[in-house]
Amino acid sequence: MITVNNINNELSITSAGSNGIGYSSDFYNYSSMKSVSWIKDSKDDYYVIINFIANDKNNSLRIKMGSVSNQPGWTNDESGAFNATSKISEWMNPFNFTSSNVRTANVYNASVTGATSYGVYAVSIANVGAANGTVNGQILPPGVSISFDGGAINNQIDVINFDSNSTTFLITELL
């Protein structure tokens, strides 16, 4: 039998030796993992498959669901494999999606010369008026929108200057 845990932000797999004598414990860093999925083999056994960034799919980690003794719901069936895959995927995620990680969208209309907020994570500007406006000196015709995204985790965008004096911009900022 094996136990599977999230210890110090690493996947821990501990297996007991034969007849309960001895054990081994392995730790896997989540940042080295590329994907997690599950399969059912020809003997109707279910496995969670973890692929690593540095290796190809021929060197994956296979966790047999029928051998896991400590995780309720990780059973040797489709539901158990799904539960295990979901939980490990949650452990792999660098955020736990608590309220402190939820971003707020600031949506407003503008018919002025101005700039977006500094340090936002994403910005979308749509020209919803009848005339041209400008974004960072470039013409934004009516009915056209443009989006800016910080890209990688927690990257932020500098201010974006706009002039919507003769039209209306609908601006959305992800704070």
Foldseek 3Di string as FASTA:
>chain_A
DWEWDQDPLWTKIKDADPPRPDIDIDTHHLVQWDAWAKDADPVLWIWIWIHGPVDDSVPIDTDTLCPHDPDPLLHRHPRNRVVVRVVVVCSSDPDNPDPVPAWDKDKDKDQAWDKDDAFFFKKKKAFCWQAWKDKQRHIDGHGGMDMDGLPDPRRGDGIITIHRNPTMIIMMTTD
